[in-house]
Amino acid sequence: MDVIRNFPAVSILMCIFAGIISSGLKGKAARKVNAVLMCIVTVLNLATLMYTIELKTYFVYVMGMFPAPWGNELRVSVMEASMALFFCIVMMLSVAGGIKKLGDEVADDKLHLYYVLMDLLLSSLLALCYTNDLFTAYVFIEINTIAACGLIMIRQNGRTIEAAVRYMVMSLLGSGMILLGICITYDITGHLLMSNIKEGMVRALEGGEYAIPVLVTITLLSVGLAIKSALFPFHAWLPDAYGYSTVSSAAVLSSLVSKGYIFLLFKIIYRVIGFDIYCDSRIIDVLFIFGLMGMIFGSTSAIRENDIRRMIAYSSVAQIGYIYMGIGMGTEFGMTAGIFHIFTHGATKSLLFIAAIGLTDVSGGSRKFIEITGAGYRHKWAGIGFTVGALSMVGIPLFAGFISKLLFAEASLSLGYKALPALIVLGISTILNAIYFMKTVIRIYTPVENSGYETVGFKNGRLYTVVIIAFIVLNVVLGVASDRIVDLIHMGLAVFA
């Protein structure tokens, strides 16, 4: 079984080498390499998860056989393995769901580059999950940023280029703050490995002379990752980036890229700074406030939209606010709810973007609400998929979104002065979610006579339909088997610390 300990490192390296190989291939060959890669990596991470569940603790993989504190390490437990497996599954389904449209959205001579970027993006997400080295995390943050920017602008129209520039400017601002925070951390502790940094932080605070530098470090790392994950009010780049990129890019960017940064923040809270130190810094209260504001602002902006994809994009601002609200609660229950919502949002948002492209395809390519009237009848599986995603986001029982809202509500009850605003905003946000999602569901199921648009059946898009069904199943599994998943999160957080 010790061979399984190599799987995390092998997964990351395979993605990098697949990107290198695909750069010299044509589009169809690069697509096949990408498909085989994601299948293999998914199996490797599934085996890793099963191994860590049996192990009930973490293991450390030493890169290059150089021990701490000089070497580079991967640290793997239930939390890292489950997040990495989830990222692999969602990316595989998102890419498969958008394959049919990709030929129309990306020029043939750039198609292989698209898969190169996807390979690099997956490598960076896996590295952010597994690495125990803070500077290595920064390196893969930059790889993630460059790959995501390329995926936005590869469509080569005015809106995507503008969106990519805005994304890059905001991301570089966040990256600069993260790098500065890492530099100060290294200056304080003399270490880059997360476990060693935490020990150094404790010693530094015991002396009392490094209280201000530690506070500055926490602020820089938190705000930098908040900017990169589009927490309100740093979300201005998000609607265009998600709304005008290719359908697979939108699904991956909304579901995974921002979640990779947020998961790194969880690692920093527990493994770099220390949970108690982080809560005492009061930065957590700032994240709580911005999380609440994002939940409201994202939803109100979504209500005002007349473009279905931009509406879904603004919904992501609200859902990211949910996660930061959970972090800002400063309790284990809040953290558990935040991590579970990463799974919920990843599974649901990809489903919504993939389903939305099916609805617009049978509406003359228009994304305006007036044009997608009755689209649920013209493309039944896209209509079903969007409806399931909408019901999940609203919080209807049986689906993942209901469990997320329930966990946040339960976590709020023990918060003291934070309980009332958390419950009020949670209720308001749920009502706002229902307004714009149910409005869209009603719209796509409003009958239209002689629309003039074609009707699409299962035979016209078998792979697309399979992807929709797979996302629906994933959403239901998260909702029905939530007890087991929450237990794994609790186990992971215990090992995380």
Protein backbone atom coordinates (compact mmCIF):
# COMPACT_ATOMS: atom_id res chain seq x y z
CA MET A 1 0.00 0.00 0.00
CA ASP A 2 2.97 2.36 0.38
CA VAL A 3 2.95 2.88 -3.39
CA ILE A 4 -0.26 4.92 -2.93
CA ARG A 5 1.78 7.54 -1.08
CA ASN A 6 3.33 8.44 -4.43
CA PHE A 7 -0.02 9.09 -6.12
CA PRO A 8 -0.43 12.80 -5.14
CA ALA A 9 3.01 13.70 -6.53
CA VAL A 10 2.46 11.51 -9.60
CA SER A 11 -0.90 13.23 -10.25
CA ILE A 12 0.65 16.71 -10.22
CA LEU A 13 3.60 15.69 -12.40
CA MET A 14 1.37 13.85 -14.87
CA CYS A 15 -0.71 17.00 -15.40
CA ILE A 16 2.41 19.09 -16.02
CA PHE A 17 3.91 16.60 -18.47
CA ALA A 18 0.55 16.19 -20.24
CA GLY A 19 0.52 19.95 -20.79
CA ILE A 20 4.04 19.83 -22.22
CA ILE A 21 3.17 16.93 -24.54
CA SER A 22 -0.11 18.52 -25.67
CA SER A 23 1.67 21.72 -26.69
CA GLY A 24 3.16 19.83 -29.64
CA LEU A 25 -0.02 18.02 -30.66
CA LYS A 26 -3.03 18.94 -32.74
CA GLY A 27 -6.38 19.71 -31.16
CA LYS A 28 -7.97 16.26 -31.33
CA ALA A 29 -4.85 14.50 -30.07
CA ALA A 30 -4.52 17.01 -27.20
CA ARG A 31 -8.17 16.38 -26.31
CA LYS A 32 -7.52 12.63 -26.10
CA VAL A 33 -4.46 13.19 -23.90
CA ASN A 34 -6.51 15.44 -21.64
CA ALA A 35 -9.34 12.90 -21.39
CA VAL A 36 -6.99 10.02 -20.55
CA LEU A 37 -5.11 12.21 -18.07
CA MET A 38 -8.22 13.21 -16.14
CA CYS A 39 -9.46 9.62 -15.95
CA ILE A 40 -6.11 8.38 -14.61
CA VAL A 41 -5.70 11.26 -12.15
CA THR A 42 -9.25 10.76 -10.87
CA VAL A 43 -8.52 7.08 -10.17
CA LEU A 44 -5.23 7.94 -8.45
CA ASN A 45 -6.88 10.48 -6.17
CA LEU A 46 -9.76 8.10 -5.40
CA ALA A 47 -7.21 5.50 -4.29
CA THR A 48 -5.46 8.16 -2.20
CA LEU A 49 -8.73 9.10 -0.51
CA MET A 50 -9.55 5.48 0.34
CA TYR A 51 -6.03 5.06 1.73
CA THR A 52 -6.27 8.12 3.97
CA ILE A 53 -9.70 7.07 5.26
CA GLU A 54 -8.21 3.76 6.39
CA LEU A 55 -5.10 5.52 7.72
CA LYS A 56 -7.21 7.99 9.80
CA THR A 57 -4.31 10.43 9.90
CA TYR A 58 -2.03 12.19 7.44
CA PHE A 59 1.13 11.12 5.66
CA VAL A 60 3.98 13.23 4.34
CA TYR A 61 5.59 12.73 0.94
CA VAL A 62 9.10 14.20 0.86
CA MET A 63 10.01 15.59 -2.56
CA GLY A 64 13.57 14.72 -3.61
CA MET A 65 14.20 12.92 -0.31
CA PHE A 66 15.38 16.12 1.39
CA PRO A 67 13.91 16.25 4.92
CA ALA A 68 12.34 19.26 6.62
CA PRO A 69 13.04 22.12 6.97
CA TRP A 70 15.12 22.22 3.76
CA GLY A 71 13.06 19.97 1.52
CA ASN A 72 9.67 20.29 -0.12
CA GLU A 73 6.75 18.24 1.15
CA LEU A 74 3.28 17.11 0.24
CA ARG A 75 1.03 16.49 3.21
CA VAL A 76 -1.99 14.29 2.55
CA SER A 77 -5.03 13.54 4.70
CA VAL A 78 -8.72 12.91 4.13
CA MET A 79 -9.34 16.62 3.58
CA GLU A 80 -6.74 17.11 0.86
CA ALA A 81 -7.54 13.84 -0.92
CA SER A 82 -11.31 14.42 -0.94
CA MET A 83 -10.90 17.97 -2.27
CA ALA A 84 -8.46 16.83 -4.95
CA LEU A 85 -10.79 14.01 -6.04
CA PHE A 86 -13.71 16.44 -6.20
CA PHE A 87 -11.70 18.87 -8.32
CA CYS A 88 -10.80 16.06 -10.75
CA ILE A 89 -14.40 14.88 -11.10
CA VAL A 90 -15.86 18.35 -11.65
CA MET A 91 -13.16 19.32 -14.16
CA MET A 92 -13.59 16.08 -16.10
CA LEU A 93 -17.36 16.57 -16.34
CA SER A 94 -17.06 20.29 -17.14
CA VAL A 95 -14.65 19.70 -20.02
CA ALA A 96 -16.79 16.86 -21.36
CA GLY A 97 -19.95 18.98 -21.14
CA GLY A 98 -18.46 21.74 -23.28
CA ILE A 99 -16.62 19.66 -25.90
CA LYS A 100 -19.34 20.01 -28.53
CA LYS A 101 -19.32 23.83 -28.29
CA LEU A 102 -15.55 24.15 -28.07
CA GLY A 103 -15.07 23.87 -31.83
CA ASP A 104 -17.32 26.89 -32.33
CA GLU A 105 -15.73 28.90 -29.53
CA VAL A 106 -12.01 28.28 -30.07
CA ALA A 107 -10.06 28.47 -33.34
CA ASP A 108 -8.67 25.15 -34.59
CA ASP A 109 -5.05 26.34 -34.36
CA LYS A 110 -5.55 27.20 -30.68
CA LEU A 111 -7.49 24.12 -29.63
CA HIS A 112 -4.40 22.26 -28.40
CA LEU A 113 -3.46 25.30 -26.30
CA TYR A 114 -6.85 25.10 -24.62
CA TYR A 115 -6.07 21.61 -23.33
CA VAL A 116 -2.55 22.66 -22.33
CA LEU A 117 -4.13 25.33 -20.12
CA MET A 118 -6.62 22.83 -18.68
CA ASP A 119 -3.79 20.41 -17.84
CA LEU A 120 -1.79 23.15 -16.11
CA LEU A 121 -4.87 24.37 -14.26
CA LEU A 122 -5.54 20.87 -12.91
CA SER A 123 -1.90 20.51 -11.84
CA SER A 124 -2.08 23.79 -9.93
CA LEU A 125 -5.33 22.85 -8.20
CA LEU A 126 -3.91 19.49 -7.10
CA ALA A 127 -0.73 21.18 -5.88
CA LEU A 128 -2.72 23.72 -3.85
CA CYS A 129 -4.55 20.79 -2.25
CA TYR A 130 -1.49 18.75 -1.37
CA THR A 131 1.52 21.02 -0.87
CA ASN A 132 2.89 21.62 2.61
CA ASP A 133 5.24 24.36 1.41
CA LEU A 134 3.98 27.95 1.38
CA PHE A 135 6.26 29.16 -1.41
CA THR A 136 5.38 26.17 -3.60
CA ALA A 137 1.75 27.13 -3.04
CA TYR A 138 2.57 30.63 -4.32
CA VAL A 139 4.25 29.21 -7.44
CA PHE A 140 1.17 27.17 -8.28
CA ILE A 141 -1.08 30.13 -7.49
CA GLU A 142 0.68 31.92 -10.34
CA ILE A 143 0.38 28.90 -12.64
CA ASN A 144 -3.31 28.81 -11.75
CA THR A 145 -3.68 32.51 -12.52
CA ILE A 146 -1.94 32.34 -15.89
CA ALA A 147 -3.87 29.24 -16.96
CA ALA A 148 -7.21 30.75 -15.88
CA CYS A 149 -6.43 34.00 -17.70
CA GLY A 150 -5.59 32.06 -20.85
CA LEU A 151 -8.83 30.10 -20.62
CA ILE A 152 -10.78 33.37 -20.43
CA MET A 153 -9.15 35.10 -23.40
CA ILE A 154 -8.65 32.10 -25.71
CA ARG A 155 -12.07 32.79 -27.23
CA GLN A 156 -10.54 35.94 -28.76
CA ASN A 157 -13.34 38.48 -28.78
CA GLY A 158 -13.43 41.94 -27.30
CA ARG A 159 -15.32 41.05 -24.15
CA THR A 160 -13.09 38.11 -23.23
CA ILE A 161 -9.89 40.09 -23.76
CA GLU A 162 -11.22 42.90 -21.58
CA ALA A 163 -12.35 40.36 -18.96
CA ALA A 164 -8.92 38.67 -19.03
CA VAL A 165 -7.13 41.99 -18.50
CA ARG A 166 -9.37 42.86 -15.56
CA TYR A 167 -8.90 39.38 -14.13
CA MET A 168 -5.13 39.61 -14.49
CA VAL A 169 -4.93 43.05 -12.84
CA MET A 170 -6.95 41.93 -9.82
CA SER A 171 -5.14 38.59 -9.61
CA LEU A 172 -1.72 40.23 -9.70
CA LEU A 173 -2.78 42.57 -6.92
CA GLY A 174 -3.80 39.57 -4.84
CA SER A 175 -0.64 37.66 -5.76
CA GLY A 176 1.54 40.59 -4.72
CA MET A 177 -0.10 40.73 -1.30
CA ILE A 178 0.29 36.97 -0.86
CA LEU A 179 3.99 37.09 -1.82
CA LEU A 180 4.59 39.97 0.58
CA GLY A 181 2.84 38.03 3.34
CA ILE A 182 5.01 34.97 2.63
CA CYS A 183 8.16 37.12 2.77
CA ILE A 184 7.21 38.52 6.17
CA THR A 185 6.30 35.03 7.38
CA TYR A 186 9.72 33.74 6.33
CA ASP A 187 11.38 36.71 8.02
CA ILE A 188 9.55 35.96 11.28
CA THR A 189 9.92 32.18 11.37
CA GLY A 190 12.77 31.30 8.98
CA HIS A 191 10.65 28.52 7.45
CA LEU A 192 8.54 27.88 4.35
CA LEU A 193 7.08 24.49 5.31
CA MET A 194 3.64 25.08 6.80
CA SER A 195 4.08 22.91 9.90
CA ASN A 196 7.38 24.59 10.77
CA ILE A 197 5.91 28.04 10.18
CA LYS A 198 3.14 27.34 12.69
CA GLU A 199 5.68 26.38 15.37
CA GLY A 200 7.64 29.55 14.61
CA MET A 201 4.49 31.68 14.79
CA VAL A 202 3.67 30.33 18.25
CA ARG A 203 7.21 31.06 19.50
CA ALA A 204 7.17 34.54 17.96
CA LEU A 205 3.90 35.47 19.66
CA GLU A 206 5.05 34.08 23.02
CA GLY A 207 7.84 36.64 23.03
CA GLY A 208 5.33 39.43 22.39
CA GLU A 209 7.57 41.42 20.02
CA TYR A 210 6.13 40.10 16.74
CA ALA A 211 2.44 40.77 17.35
CA ILE A 212 2.21 43.53 14.71
CA PRO A 213 4.18 41.68 11.97
CA VAL A 214 2.04 38.56 12.54
CA LEU A 215 -1.13 40.64 12.23
CA VAL A 216 0.18 42.22 9.01
CA THR A 217 1.03 38.76 7.67
CA ILE A 218 -2.44 37.40 8.41
CA THR A 219 -4.02 40.44 6.77
CA LEU A 220 -1.92 40.24 3.61
CA LEU A 221 -2.48 36.51 3.12
CA SER A 222 -6.22 36.75 3.83
CA VAL A 223 -6.92 39.80 1.67
CA GLY A 224 -4.73 38.49 -1.15
CA LEU A 225 -6.63 35.20 -1.31
CA ALA A 226 -9.95 37.03 -0.90
CA ILE A 227 -9.15 39.16 -3.95
CA LYS A 228 -8.20 36.13 -6.01
CA SER A 229 -11.35 34.24 -5.00
CA ALA A 230 -13.63 37.21 -5.82
CA LEU A 231 -14.94 37.97 -2.36
CA PHE A 232 -17.07 41.13 -2.30
CA PRO A 233 -16.00 43.90 -2.97
CA PHE A 234 -13.16 42.41 -5.07
CA HIS A 235 -15.49 40.74 -7.55
CA ALA A 236 -15.70 43.29 -10.39
CA TRP A 237 -13.80 41.04 -12.81
CA LEU A 238 -15.99 37.99 -12.24
CA PRO A 239 -19.21 38.54 -14.29
CA ASP A 240 -17.42 39.14 -17.60
CA ALA A 241 -14.82 36.43 -16.95
CA TYR A 242 -17.48 33.79 -16.31
CA GLY A 243 -20.12 35.23 -18.61
CA TYR A 244 -18.17 35.46 -21.88
CA SER A 245 -15.57 32.67 -21.74
CA THR A 246 -16.18 29.23 -23.25
CA VAL A 247 -18.77 27.09 -21.49
CA SER A 248 -16.18 24.64 -20.11
CA SER A 249 -13.99 27.53 -18.96
CA ALA A 250 -16.93 29.19 -17.20
CA ALA A 251 -17.84 25.93 -15.46
CA VAL A 252 -14.27 25.28 -14.33
CA LEU A 253 -13.48 28.87 -13.34
CA SER A 254 -16.63 29.32 -11.27
CA SER A 255 -16.52 25.91 -9.62
CA LEU A 256 -12.83 25.22 -9.05
CA VAL A 257 -10.39 28.11 -9.48
CA SER A 258 -11.74 30.32 -6.71
CA LYS A 259 -12.25 27.23 -4.51
CA GLY A 260 -8.57 26.31 -4.86
CA TYR A 261 -7.64 29.69 -3.36
CA ILE A 262 -10.23 29.34 -0.60
CA PHE A 263 -8.98 25.85 0.26
CA LEU A 264 -5.45 27.27 0.54
CA LEU A 265 -6.85 29.84 2.98
CA PHE A 266 -8.24 26.99 5.10
CA LYS A 267 -4.77 25.43 5.13
CA ILE A 268 -3.20 28.74 6.15
CA ILE A 269 -5.72 29.20 8.97
CA TYR A 270 -5.15 25.76 10.43
CA ARG A 271 -1.62 24.81 9.43
CA VAL A 272 0.32 28.06 9.03
CA ILE A 273 -1.15 30.59 11.46
CA GLY A 274 -3.07 28.35 13.84
CA PHE A 275 -6.83 28.47 14.27
CA ASP A 276 -6.80 30.20 17.67
CA ILE A 277 -4.23 32.79 16.59
CA TYR A 278 -6.22 33.52 13.43
CA CYS A 279 -9.45 34.03 15.37
CA ASP A 280 -7.72 36.29 17.93
CA SER A 281 -6.45 38.51 15.11
CA ARG A 282 -10.03 39.71 14.41
CA ILE A 283 -9.37 39.52 10.67
CA ILE A 284 -11.93 36.77 10.77
CA ASP A 285 -14.59 39.34 11.68
CA VAL A 286 -13.76 41.36 8.56
CA LEU A 287 -14.16 38.26 6.40
CA PHE A 288 -17.49 37.59 8.12
CA ILE A 289 -18.81 41.07 7.29
CA PHE A 290 -17.66 40.96 3.66
CA GLY A 291 -19.10 37.47 3.34
CA LEU A 292 -22.52 38.72 4.47
CA MET A 293 -22.31 41.70 2.13
CA GLY A 294 -21.36 39.44 -0.78
CA MET A 295 -24.37 37.20 -0.13
CA ILE A 296 -26.72 40.17 -0.50
CA PHE A 297 -24.94 42.14 -3.22
CA GLY A 298 -24.31 39.11 -5.43
CA SER A 299 -27.96 38.11 -5.27
CA THR A 300 -29.35 41.60 -5.94
CA SER A 301 -27.00 41.98 -8.91
CA ALA A 302 -28.16 38.60 -10.25
CA ILE A 303 -31.80 39.72 -10.01
CA ARG A 304 -31.07 42.78 -12.16
CA GLU A 305 -29.36 40.78 -14.92
CA ASN A 306 -31.09 40.03 -18.22
CA ASP A 307 -28.35 37.64 -19.37
CA ILE A 308 -28.60 34.07 -18.06
CA ARG A 309 -24.84 33.44 -17.91
CA ARG A 310 -24.06 36.75 -16.18
CA MET A 311 -26.87 35.98 -13.75
CA ILE A 312 -25.21 32.68 -12.87
CA ALA A 313 -21.87 34.50 -12.58
CA TYR A 314 -23.26 37.03 -10.09
CA SER A 315 -24.77 34.13 -8.17
CA SER A 316 -21.18 32.92 -7.63
CA VAL A 317 -20.41 36.17 -5.80
CA ALA A 318 -23.20 35.33 -3.37
CA GLN A 319 -22.08 31.72 -2.95
CA ILE A 320 -18.47 32.74 -2.29
CA GLY A 321 -19.92 35.04 0.37
CA TYR A 322 -21.50 31.98 2.01
CA ILE A 323 -18.10 30.30 2.31
CA TYR A 324 -16.45 33.38 3.79
CA MET A 325 -19.35 33.75 6.21
CA GLY A 326 -18.56 30.22 7.40
CA ILE A 327 -14.89 31.10 7.81
CA GLY A 328 -15.82 34.32 9.59
CA MET A 329 -17.89 32.43 12.15
CA GLY A 330 -14.63 31.30 13.70
CA THR A 331 -15.94 27.92 14.85
CA GLU A 332 -15.40 24.34 13.73
CA PHE A 333 -19.06 24.13 12.68
CA GLY A 334 -18.67 27.26 10.56
CA MET A 335 -15.54 25.89 8.92
CA THR A 336 -17.31 22.59 8.25
CA ALA A 337 -20.22 24.40 6.61
CA GLY A 338 -17.80 26.46 4.51
CA ILE A 339 -15.93 23.41 3.26
CA PHE A 340 -19.16 21.54 2.50
CA HIS A 341 -20.34 24.55 0.52
CA ILE A 342 -17.20 24.30 -1.63
CA PHE A 343 -18.47 20.88 -2.70
CA THR A 344 -22.03 22.16 -3.11
CA HIS A 345 -21.09 25.18 -5.18
CA GLY A 346 -18.63 23.24 -7.31
CA ALA A 347 -21.17 20.56 -8.22
CA THR A 348 -24.06 22.97 -8.73
CA LYS A 349 -22.46 25.91 -10.50
CA SER A 350 -20.88 23.71 -13.17
CA LEU A 351 -24.27 22.10 -13.72
CA LEU A 352 -25.89 25.51 -14.16
CA PHE A 353 -23.33 26.75 -16.69
CA ILE A 354 -23.39 23.51 -18.68
CA ALA A 355 -27.20 23.46 -18.66
CA ALA A 356 -27.40 27.14 -19.62
CA ILE A 357 -25.44 26.59 -22.83
CA GLY A 358 -27.96 23.93 -23.87
CA LEU A 359 -30.80 26.38 -23.27
CA THR A 360 -29.14 29.16 -25.29
CA ASP A 361 -28.29 26.78 -28.15
CA VAL A 362 -31.99 26.13 -28.73
CA SER A 363 -32.75 29.85 -28.46
CA GLY A 364 -30.79 31.08 -31.44
CA GLY A 365 -27.64 31.47 -29.36
CA SER A 366 -29.20 34.32 -27.40
CA ARG A 367 -28.65 34.52 -23.66
CA LYS A 368 -31.41 37.07 -23.04
CA PHE A 369 -34.31 35.89 -20.91
CA ILE A 370 -36.91 36.89 -23.47
CA GLU A 371 -35.28 34.58 -26.04
CA ILE A 372 -34.89 31.53 -23.78
CA THR A 373 -38.63 31.42 -23.06
CA GLY A 374 -39.77 27.81 -23.45
CA ALA A 375 -36.19 26.52 -23.90
CA GLY A 376 -36.81 23.83 -21.29
CA TYR A 377 -39.19 22.13 -23.73
CA ARG A 378 -36.81 22.49 -26.69
CA HIS A 379 -33.90 20.95 -24.79
CA LYS A 380 -35.38 18.77 -22.07
CA TRP A 381 -32.17 17.61 -20.40
CA ALA A 382 -30.75 21.13 -20.26
CA GLY A 383 -34.03 22.28 -18.71
CA ILE A 384 -33.96 19.47 -16.14
CA GLY A 385 -30.32 20.15 -15.32
CA PHE A 386 -30.88 23.87 -14.85
CA THR A 387 -33.95 23.23 -12.70
CA VAL A 388 -32.04 20.84 -10.42
CA GLY A 389 -29.18 23.33 -10.10
CA ALA A 390 -31.62 26.15 -9.34
CA LEU A 391 -33.45 24.09 -6.70
CA SER A 392 -30.13 23.23 -5.08
CA MET A 393 -29.00 26.85 -4.95
CA VAL A 394 -32.32 27.88 -3.44
CA GLY A 395 -31.99 25.17 -0.80
CA ILE A 396 -34.71 22.64 -1.58
CA PRO A 397 -34.41 19.32 0.37
CA LEU A 398 -32.78 16.34 -1.36
CA PHE A 399 -30.14 18.53 -3.01
CA ALA A 400 -26.71 19.67 -1.81
CA GLY A 401 -27.69 23.33 -1.38
CA PHE A 402 -30.25 22.45 1.29
CA ILE A 403 -27.57 20.76 3.42
CA SER A 404 -25.25 23.76 3.02
CA LYS A 405 -27.88 26.20 4.24
CA LEU A 406 -28.83 23.87 7.07
CA LEU A 407 -25.20 23.59 8.19
CA PHE A 408 -24.76 27.37 8.08
CA ALA A 409 -27.96 27.86 10.08
CA GLU A 410 -26.88 25.31 12.70
CA ALA A 411 -23.42 26.87 12.92
CA SER A 412 -24.99 30.32 13.44
CA LEU A 413 -26.87 29.26 16.55
CA SER A 414 -23.73 29.15 18.72
CA LEU A 415 -22.17 32.42 17.53
CA GLY A 416 -23.33 34.89 20.14
CA TYR A 417 -23.40 38.41 18.68
CA LYS A 418 -22.83 37.06 15.15
CA ALA A 419 -25.83 34.71 15.27
CA LEU A 420 -28.57 37.23 14.48
CA PRO A 421 -26.94 38.92 11.47
CA ALA A 422 -25.88 35.53 10.08
CA LEU A 423 -29.40 34.09 10.32
CA ILE A 424 -31.04 37.25 8.94
CA VAL A 425 -28.70 37.48 5.94
CA LEU A 426 -29.00 33.73 5.35
CA GLY A 427 -32.79 34.08 5.19
CA ILE A 428 -32.70 37.16 2.94
CA SER A 429 -30.17 35.55 0.62
CA THR A 430 -32.31 32.42 0.31
CA ILE A 431 -35.33 34.53 -0.67
CA LEU A 432 -33.25 36.45 -3.23
CA ASN A 433 -31.90 33.17 -4.62
CA ALA A 434 -35.44 31.95 -5.07
CA ILE A 435 -36.42 35.14 -6.90
CA TYR A 436 -33.83 34.99 -9.67
CA PHE A 437 -33.49 31.24 -10.03
CA MET A 438 -37.19 30.43 -9.94
CA LYS A 439 -37.86 33.35 -12.29
CA THR A 440 -35.52 31.70 -14.77
CA VAL A 441 -37.04 28.23 -14.30
CA ILE A 442 -40.52 29.65 -14.90
CA ARG A 443 -39.21 31.44 -17.97
CA ILE A 444 -37.69 28.34 -19.58
CA TYR A 445 -40.90 26.38 -18.94
CA THR A 446 -43.27 29.03 -20.23
CA PRO A 447 -44.84 27.55 -23.40
CA VAL A 448 -44.19 29.39 -26.66
CA GLU A 449 -46.07 28.64 -29.86
CA ASN A 450 -44.07 28.56 -33.10
CA SER A 451 -40.83 29.83 -31.58
CA GLY A 452 -38.98 28.95 -34.78
CA TYR A 453 -36.14 27.29 -32.85
CA GLU A 454 -35.10 23.66 -33.22
CA THR A 455 -35.73 20.98 -30.59
CA VAL A 456 -32.80 18.90 -29.36
CA GLY A 457 -33.15 15.31 -28.17
CA PHE A 458 -30.86 12.78 -26.51
CA LYS A 459 -29.44 11.54 -29.82
CA ASN A 460 -28.26 15.06 -30.73
CA GLY A 461 -25.94 15.23 -27.73
CA ARG A 462 -25.37 11.95 -25.88
CA LEU A 463 -22.20 13.06 -24.07
CA TYR A 464 -23.81 16.35 -23.05
CA THR A 465 -26.82 14.50 -21.63
CA VAL A 466 -24.59 12.06 -19.73
CA VAL A 467 -22.70 15.01 -18.20
CA ILE A 468 -25.97 16.66 -17.11
CA ILE A 469 -27.14 13.41 -15.51
CA ALA A 470 -23.77 12.92 -13.80
CA PHE A 471 -23.89 16.42 -12.29
CA ILE A 472 -27.46 15.81 -11.10
CA VAL A 473 -26.39 12.54 -9.47
CA LEU A 474 -23.40 14.27 -7.84
CA ASN A 475 -25.72 16.96 -6.46
CA VAL A 476 -28.15 14.41 -5.07
CA VAL A 477 -25.36 12.32 -3.55
CA LEU A 478 -24.05 15.39 -1.73
CA GLY A 479 -27.57 16.01 -0.45
CA VAL A 480 -28.50 12.45 0.50
CA ALA A 481 -25.12 11.20 1.79
CA SER A 482 -24.28 14.45 3.56
CA ASP A 483 -23.83 12.81 6.99
CA ARG A 484 -20.92 10.72 5.76
CA ILE A 485 -19.37 13.66 3.93
CA VAL A 486 -19.68 15.92 6.98
CA ASP A 487 -18.04 13.20 9.11
CA LEU A 488 -15.14 13.12 6.65
CA ILE A 489 -14.83 16.91 6.87
CA HIS A 490 -14.75 16.74 10.69
CA MET A 491 -12.09 14.03 10.48
CA GLY A 492 -10.15 16.09 7.98
CA LEU A 493 -10.26 19.26 10.11
CA ALA A 494 -9.02 17.31 13.15
CA VAL A 495 -6.04 16.05 11.13
CA PHE A 496 -5.67 19.40 9.37
CA ALA A 497 -4.70 21.14 12.59
